[in-house]
Amino acid sequence: MLRERPCRSIGPVRPDLLDLLACPLCKGDLTLSVAREDDGEIVAGTLACAACDERYPIEDGIPDLLPPDLRGA
């Protein structure tokens, strides 16, 4: 029997965790541009890949690393 786990709220992105992320398309390194920060955590900004020039938004502290054709409108 499967038990449902309670959903935890995901807080803003911490800059020290960004070293673990890579571009999902080409696996290149991502560069961070911060638009808004709160107590040292990134709330809004962009992750950009220098290798393939793709950009991934960070909104409400959550990076959207889906490929462009799979992102919501």
Protein backbone atom coordinates (compact mmCIF):
# COMPACT_ATOMS: atom_id res chain seq x y z
CA MET A 1 0.00 0.00 0.00
CA LEU A 2 1.36 3.40 -0.97
CA ARG A 3 1.39 6.20 1.57
CA GLU A 4 1.21 9.77 0.46
CA ARG A 5 3.94 11.98 1.77
CA PRO A 6 3.09 15.50 2.89
CA CYS A 7 4.18 18.15 0.43
CA ARG A 8 6.88 20.45 1.77
CA SER A 9 7.05 24.03 0.69
CA ILE A 10 10.07 24.73 -1.48
CA GLY A 11 11.84 27.88 -0.40
CA PRO A 12 13.98 30.23 -2.44
CA VAL A 13 17.09 28.94 -4.22
CA ARG A 14 20.34 29.15 -2.28
CA PRO A 15 23.34 30.29 -4.33
CA ASP A 16 25.59 27.53 -2.92
CA LEU A 17 23.28 24.87 -4.42
CA LEU A 18 23.51 26.28 -7.94
CA ASP A 19 26.89 24.60 -8.45
CA LEU A 20 24.98 21.31 -8.59
CA LEU A 21 22.86 22.38 -11.57
CA ALA A 22 23.70 21.98 -15.25
CA CYS A 23 21.90 22.89 -18.46
CA PRO A 24 19.35 20.14 -19.13
CA LEU A 25 19.85 20.50 -22.90
CA CYS A 26 23.63 20.36 -23.27
CA LYS A 27 24.88 19.77 -19.70
CA GLY A 28 26.85 23.04 -19.83
CA ASP A 29 27.56 25.27 -16.84
CA LEU A 30 24.88 27.75 -15.83
CA THR A 31 25.52 31.40 -14.96
CA LEU A 32 23.24 33.16 -12.49
CA SER A 33 21.73 36.63 -12.91
CA VAL A 34 19.87 37.73 -9.77
CA ALA A 35 16.85 40.02 -10.10
CA ARG A 36 15.70 39.75 -6.47
CA GLU A 37 17.24 38.29 -3.33
CA ASP A 38 15.81 37.81 0.15
CA ASP A 39 18.05 36.96 3.13
CA GLY A 40 20.77 35.58 0.84
CA GLU A 41 18.37 33.39 -1.13
CA ILE A 42 17.50 33.97 -4.79
CA VAL A 43 13.80 34.69 -5.28
CA ALA A 44 13.87 35.85 -8.92
CA GLY A 45 16.43 35.79 -11.69
CA THR A 46 17.76 33.79 -14.61
CA LEU A 47 20.10 30.88 -15.16
CA ALA A 48 21.89 31.09 -18.52
CA CYS A 49 23.94 28.49 -20.38
CA ALA A 50 26.97 29.92 -22.19
CA ALA A 51 27.36 26.75 -24.27
CA CYS A 52 23.92 26.66 -25.93
CA ASP A 53 22.65 30.16 -25.02
CA GLU A 54 19.46 28.84 -23.41
CA ARG A 55 17.96 30.77 -20.47
CA TYR A 56 15.96 29.40 -17.56
CA PRO A 57 13.85 31.67 -15.34
CA ILE A 58 13.80 31.59 -11.54
CA GLU A 59 10.40 32.64 -10.22
CA ASP A 60 9.27 32.52 -6.59
CA GLY A 61 12.60 30.89 -5.75
CA ILE A 62 12.09 27.95 -8.11
CA PRO A 63 14.27 27.47 -11.22
CA ASP A 64 12.30 26.31 -14.27
CA LEU A 65 14.78 23.93 -15.91
CA LEU A 66 12.34 22.46 -18.41
CA PRO A 67 13.37 22.68 -22.06
CA PRO A 68 11.76 25.70 -23.78
CA ASP A 69 9.22 23.63 -25.71
CA LEU A 70 7.91 22.05 -22.48
CA ARG A 71 7.53 25.24 -20.42
CA GLY A 72 4.10 26.61 -19.69
CA ALA A 73 3.00 29.75 -21.46
